[in-house]
């Protein structure tokens, strides 16, 4: 049995996630085993949180959150600067 690279795609099923899934699948090679995981499943969401997933779609390769997918998610300070929590005059 040959070794496989484990590619996990964390998805919420939205059109953006579907596009990412298609892109990953189109670029995967025979050594890549691609698994799509539904973030609506609490067990999947718990695993994603442990891996550092803060937004979807997110890609994990061989147990490591891809650099392009880390550090994402809402930044409360940026949102406040854009007006979140600031009453309109």
Protein backbone atom coordinates (compact mmCIF):
# COMPACT_ATOMS: atom_id res chain seq x y z
CA UNK A 1 0.00 0.00 0.00
CA UNK A 2 1.42 3.39 -0.97
CA UNK A 3 1.47 6.39 1.34
CA UNK A 4 -1.22 9.03 0.95
CA UNK A 5 -1.28 12.71 1.78
CA UNK A 6 -4.36 13.40 3.90
CA UNK A 7 -6.24 16.52 2.74
CA UNK A 8 -9.22 17.59 4.86
CA UNK A 9 -11.59 20.29 3.66
CA UNK A 10 -13.71 21.86 6.39
CA UNK A 11 -16.87 23.15 4.75
CA UNK A 12 -20.24 24.63 5.68
CA UNK A 13 -21.72 23.70 2.31
CA UNK A 14 -21.92 27.27 1.00
CA UNK A 15 -21.06 28.23 -2.60
CA UNK A 16 -17.62 29.54 -1.55
CA UNK A 17 -16.88 26.22 0.17
CA UNK A 18 -18.13 24.28 -2.86
CA UNK A 19 -15.77 26.27 -5.10
CA UNK A 20 -12.85 25.50 -2.77
CA UNK A 21 -13.76 21.81 -2.76
CA UNK A 22 -13.79 21.74 -6.57
CA UNK A 23 -10.45 23.58 -6.76
CA UNK A 24 -8.79 21.21 -4.28
CA UNK A 25 -10.20 18.14 -6.02
CA UNK A 26 -9.10 19.45 -9.44
CA UNK A 27 -5.55 19.99 -8.16
CA UNK A 28 -5.19 16.82 -6.09
CA UNK A 29 -2.79 14.14 -7.29
CA UNK A 30 -3.04 10.35 -6.94
CA UNK A 31 -1.12 10.65 -3.65
CA UNK A 32 -3.81 12.93 -2.19
CA UNK A 33 -6.71 11.50 -0.22
CA UNK A 34 -9.29 14.30 -0.06
CA UNK A 35 -11.96 14.23 2.66
CA UNK A 36 -14.76 16.77 2.92
CA UNK A 37 -15.92 17.48 6.47
CA UNK A 38 -19.22 19.16 7.34
CA UNK A 39 -18.84 21.89 9.96
CA UNK A 40 -22.52 21.46 10.83
CA UNK A 41 -21.53 18.21 12.56
CA UNK A 42 -20.58 19.07 16.18
CA UNK A 43 -17.78 16.46 16.20
CA UNK A 44 -16.26 17.96 13.05
CA UNK A 45 -16.59 21.49 14.47
CA UNK A 46 -14.83 20.39 17.68
CA UNK A 47 -11.95 18.86 15.71
CA UNK A 48 -11.72 21.98 13.54
CA UNK A 49 -11.52 24.19 16.61
CA UNK A 50 -8.68 22.07 18.03
CA UNK A 51 -6.82 22.48 14.72
CA UNK A 52 -7.23 26.26 14.83
CA UNK A 53 -9.92 26.63 12.17
CA UNK A 54 -11.65 30.00 12.59
CA UNK A 55 -13.40 30.32 9.24
CA UNK A 56 -14.45 28.14 6.33
CA UNK A 57 -13.51 26.85 3.92
CA UNK A 58 -10.38 25.63 5.67
CA UNK A 59 -7.84 23.09 4.46
CA UNK A 60 -5.82 20.78 6.69
CA UNK A 61 -2.96 18.83 5.12
CA UNK A 62 -1.53 15.92 7.06
CA UNK A 63 -2.98 17.25 10.32
CA UNK A 64 -1.75 20.84 9.92
CA UNK A 65 -3.98 23.80 9.13
CA UNK A 66 -2.70 25.27 5.86
CA UNK A 67 -0.98 28.62 6.33
CA UNK A 68 -3.43 30.29 3.95
CA UNK A 69 -6.27 29.25 6.26
CA UNK A 70 -4.77 30.29 9.60
CA UNK A 71 -5.28 33.61 11.29
CA UNK A 72 -8.65 34.04 9.62
CA UNK A 73 -11.93 34.70 11.28
CA UNK A 74 -13.53 37.83 12.62
CA UNK A 75 -11.24 40.40 14.24
CA UNK A 76 -13.39 42.25 16.77
CA UNK A 77 -11.13 45.33 16.78
CA UNK A 78 -11.36 45.69 13.00
CA UNK A 79 -15.13 45.26 13.19
CA UNK A 80 -15.41 47.89 15.91
CA UNK A 81 -13.31 50.28 13.81
CA UNK A 82 -15.79 49.69 10.98
CA UNK A 83 -18.71 50.65 13.24
CA UNK A 84 -19.72 47.52 15.13
CA UNK A 85 -21.22 48.56 18.46
CA UNK A 86 -21.15 52.26 17.62
CA UNK A 87 -24.62 53.82 17.76
CA UNK A 88 -25.69 55.95 14.81
CA UNK A 89 -26.10 59.62 15.74
